[in-house]
Amino acid sequence: MTNNTESGLLVWGPEDYVIPPQGEAVLFVVTNFLETPNQKLGHCAESRKVLNGHCRGDDDCEEGEMVAAGNGIMSGRCLRKDDNLTSTCEIYGWCPIERHFKPK
């Protein structure tokens, strides 16, 4: 995450900060990609598949903390569902979160 006056709050993904670099004198050919239409930086619910993003109340979603193995930074709000099994923290990140499917 970076936050400065020029670009504001940005969330970086692993593709942006691969350390160490992929290598020297290496050719990388993209053979597949995942697309999430209309994705933009904003606030949305964390994926229910991310266990550390589950919550029962706002206290479970510490504002400014990253969700371990998740998709963004917690806003401090728990987006509650009736059953509490699918309640997740609201995050700031790339929304809607990436869809997980096996491309053909």
C-alpha atoms as a PDB file:
ATOM      1  CA  MET A   1       0.000   0.000   0.000  1.00  0.00           C
ATOM      2  CA  THR A   2       1.197   3.497  -0.780  1.00  0.00           C
ATOM      3  CA  ASN A   3      -0.441   6.787   0.105  1.00  0.00           C
ATOM      4  CA  ASN A   4       0.969  10.078  -1.166  1.00  0.00           C
ATOM      5  CA  THR A   5      -0.305  13.449  -2.358  1.00  0.00           C
ATOM      6  CA  GLU A   6       0.363  12.721  -6.046  1.00  0.00           C
ATOM      7  CA  SER A   7      -1.476   9.426  -6.501  1.00  0.00           C
ATOM      8  CA  GLY A   8      -3.413   9.039  -3.244  1.00  0.00           C
ATOM      9  CA  LEU A   9      -4.102   5.650  -1.672  1.00  0.00           C
ATOM     10  CA  LEU A  10      -3.057   2.722  -3.899  1.00  0.00           C
ATOM     11  CA  VAL A  11      -3.052  -1.008  -3.261  1.00  0.00           C
ATOM     12  CA  TRP A  12      -0.340  -2.931  -5.101  1.00  0.00           C
ATOM     13  CA  GLY A  13      -0.655  -6.570  -6.101  1.00  0.00           C
ATOM     14  CA  PRO A  14       2.151  -9.149  -6.258  1.00  0.00           C
ATOM     15  CA  GLU A  15       2.459  -8.580  -9.996  1.00  0.00           C
ATOM     16  CA  ASP A  16       3.527  -4.996  -9.210  1.00  0.00           C
ATOM     17  CA  TYR A  17       6.287  -5.767  -6.731  1.00  0.00           C
ATOM     18  CA  VAL A  18       7.851  -9.122  -7.537  1.00  0.00           C
ATOM     19  CA  ILE A  19      11.042  -9.306  -5.463  1.00  0.00           C
ATOM     20  CA  PRO A  20      13.450 -10.681  -6.518  1.00  0.00           C
ATOM     21  CA  PRO A  21      12.798  -9.963 -10.195  1.00  0.00           C
ATOM     22  CA  GLN A  22      11.868 -12.886 -12.412  1.00  0.00           C
ATOM     23  CA  GLY A  23      15.465 -13.091 -13.635  1.00  0.00           C
ATOM     24  CA  GLU A  24      17.910 -11.606 -16.071  1.00  0.00           C
ATOM     25  CA  ALA A  25      17.872 -12.370 -19.787  1.00  0.00           C
ATOM     26  CA  VAL A  26      14.535 -14.176 -19.330  1.00  0.00           C
ATOM     27  CA  LEU A  27      11.689 -14.229 -21.831  1.00  0.00           C
ATOM     28  CA  PHE A  28       8.239 -14.351 -20.271  1.00  0.00           C
ATOM     29  CA  VAL A  29       5.297 -15.214 -22.531  1.00  0.00           C
ATOM     30  CA  VAL A  30       1.810 -14.565 -21.165  1.00  0.00           C
ATOM     31  CA  THR A  31      -0.315 -17.575 -22.030  1.00  0.00           C
ATOM     32  CA  ASN A  32      -3.349 -16.806 -19.914  1.00  0.00           C
ATOM     33  CA  PHE A  33      -4.924 -13.991 -17.917  1.00  0.00           C
ATOM     34  CA  LEU A  34      -7.915 -13.419 -15.658  1.00  0.00           C
ATOM     35  CA  GLU A  35     -10.172 -10.457 -16.264  1.00  0.00           C
ATOM     36  CA  THR A  36     -12.511  -8.846 -13.758  1.00  0.00           C
ATOM     37  CA  PRO A  37     -14.642  -6.380 -15.747  1.00  0.00           C
ATOM     38  CA  ASN A  38     -15.216  -2.892 -14.322  1.00  0.00           C
ATOM     39  CA  GLN A  39     -12.663  -3.429 -11.557  1.00  0.00           C
ATOM     40  CA  LYS A  40     -11.465  -0.238  -9.864  1.00  0.00           C
ATOM     41  CA  LEU A  41     -10.025   0.853  -6.533  1.00  0.00           C
ATOM     42  CA  GLY A  42     -12.736   1.225  -3.946  1.00  0.00           C
ATOM     43  CA  HIS A  43     -14.538  -0.347  -0.988  1.00  0.00           C
ATOM     44  CA  CYS A  44     -16.208  -3.758  -1.198  1.00  0.00           C
ATOM     45  CA  ALA A  45     -16.680  -7.001   0.729  1.00  0.00           C
ATOM     46  CA  GLU A  46     -13.720  -9.351   1.141  1.00  0.00           C
ATOM     47  CA  SER A  47     -14.142 -12.774  -0.431  1.00  0.00           C
ATOM     48  CA  ARG A  48     -15.896 -15.347   1.746  1.00  0.00           C
ATOM     49  CA  LYS A  49     -13.109 -17.768   0.751  1.00  0.00           C
ATOM     50  CA  VAL A  50     -10.553 -15.642   2.683  1.00  0.00           C
ATOM     51  CA  LEU A  51     -10.757 -16.966   6.248  1.00  0.00           C
ATOM     52  CA  ASN A  52      -9.021 -13.959   7.844  1.00  0.00           C
ATOM     53  CA  GLY A  53     -11.653 -11.714   6.256  1.00  0.00           C
ATOM     54  CA  HIS A  54     -14.582 -13.244   8.188  1.00  0.00           C
ATOM     55  CA  CYS A  55     -16.126 -11.205  10.997  1.00  0.00           C
ATOM     56  CA  ARG A  56     -18.893 -11.096  13.586  1.00  0.00           C
ATOM     57  CA  GLY A  57     -18.650  -7.359  14.216  1.00  0.00           C
ATOM     58  CA  ASP A  58     -16.641  -4.227  13.416  1.00  0.00           C
ATOM     59  CA  ASP A  59     -14.074  -5.114  16.112  1.00  0.00           C
ATOM     60  CA  ASP A  60     -12.942  -8.058  13.957  1.00  0.00           C
ATOM     61  CA  CYS A  61     -12.001  -5.713  11.082  1.00  0.00           C
ATOM     62  CA  GLU A  62      -9.147  -3.527  12.340  1.00  0.00           C
ATOM     63  CA  GLU A  63      -9.031  -0.391  10.198  1.00  0.00           C
ATOM     64  CA  GLY A  64      -5.867  -0.064   8.119  1.00  0.00           C
ATOM     65  CA  GLU A  65      -4.777  -3.693   8.549  1.00  0.00           C
ATOM     66  CA  MET A  66      -4.194  -5.971   5.579  1.00  0.00           C
ATOM     67  CA  VAL A  67      -6.301  -9.120   5.349  1.00  0.00           C
ATOM     68  CA  ALA A  68      -3.837 -12.033   5.451  1.00  0.00           C
ATOM     69  CA  ALA A  69      -3.972 -13.798   2.050  1.00  0.00           C
ATOM     70  CA  GLY A  70      -6.770 -11.388   1.160  1.00  0.00           C
ATOM     71  CA  ASN A  71      -7.491  -8.701  -1.387  1.00  0.00           C
ATOM     72  CA  GLY A  72      -7.045  -5.389   0.404  1.00  0.00           C
ATOM     73  CA  ILE A  73      -6.955  -3.221   3.509  1.00  0.00           C
ATOM     74  CA  MET A  74      -9.711  -3.447   6.126  1.00  0.00           C
ATOM     75  CA  SER A  75     -11.891  -0.352   6.492  1.00  0.00           C
ATOM     76  CA  GLY A  76     -13.024  -1.160  10.038  1.00  0.00           C
ATOM     77  CA  ARG A  77     -16.534  -2.239   8.979  1.00  0.00           C
ATOM     78  CA  CYS A  78     -18.008  -5.726   9.140  1.00  0.00           C
ATOM     79  CA  LEU A  79     -20.524  -6.289   6.356  1.00  0.00           C
ATOM     80  CA  ARG A  80     -22.909  -8.484   8.307  1.00  0.00           C
ATOM     81  CA  LYS A  81     -25.053 -11.213   6.849  1.00  0.00           C
ATOM     82  CA  ASP A  82     -27.982 -12.823   8.636  1.00  0.00           C
ATOM     83  CA  ASP A  83     -26.175 -16.123   9.211  1.00  0.00           C
ATOM     84  CA  ASN A  84     -22.829 -14.628  10.451  1.00  0.00           C
ATOM     85  CA  LEU A  85     -21.078 -17.432   8.528  1.00  0.00           C
ATOM     86  CA  THR A  86     -20.730 -15.288   5.429  1.00  0.00           C
ATOM     87  CA  SER A  87     -20.076 -11.916   7.094  1.00  0.00           C
ATOM     88  CA  THR A  88     -16.845 -10.406   5.823  1.00  0.00           C
ATOM     89  CA  CYS A  89     -14.811  -7.299   6.473  1.00  0.00           C
ATOM     90  CA  GLU A  90     -15.131  -4.410   4.079  1.00  0.00           C
ATOM     91  CA  ILE A  91     -11.834  -3.786   2.298  1.00  0.00           C
ATOM     92  CA  TYR A  92     -10.258  -1.043   0.250  1.00  0.00           C
ATOM     93  CA  GLY A  93      -8.735  -2.650  -2.810  1.00  0.00           C
ATOM     94  CA  TRP A  94      -9.514  -3.689  -6.371  1.00  0.00           C
ATOM     95  CA  CYS A  95     -13.300  -4.071  -6.455  1.00  0.00           C
ATOM     96  CA  PRO A  96     -15.093  -6.181  -7.314  1.00  0.00           C
ATOM     97  CA  ILE A  97     -12.545  -8.708  -6.112  1.00  0.00           C
ATOM     98  CA  GLU A  98     -11.047 -11.037  -8.694  1.00  0.00           C
ATOM     99  CA  ARG A  99     -13.271 -13.869  -9.800  1.00  0.00           C
ATOM    100  CA  HIS A 100     -11.747 -17.300  -9.342  1.00  0.00           C
ATOM    101  CA  PHE A 101     -12.345 -19.725 -12.161  1.00  0.00           C
ATOM    102  CA  LYS A 102     -10.325 -22.036 -14.371  1.00  0.00           C
ATOM    103  CA  PRO A 103      -9.946 -20.431 -17.797  1.00  0.00           C
ATOM    104  CA  LYS A 104     -10.199 -22.638 -20.872  1.00  0.00           C
END
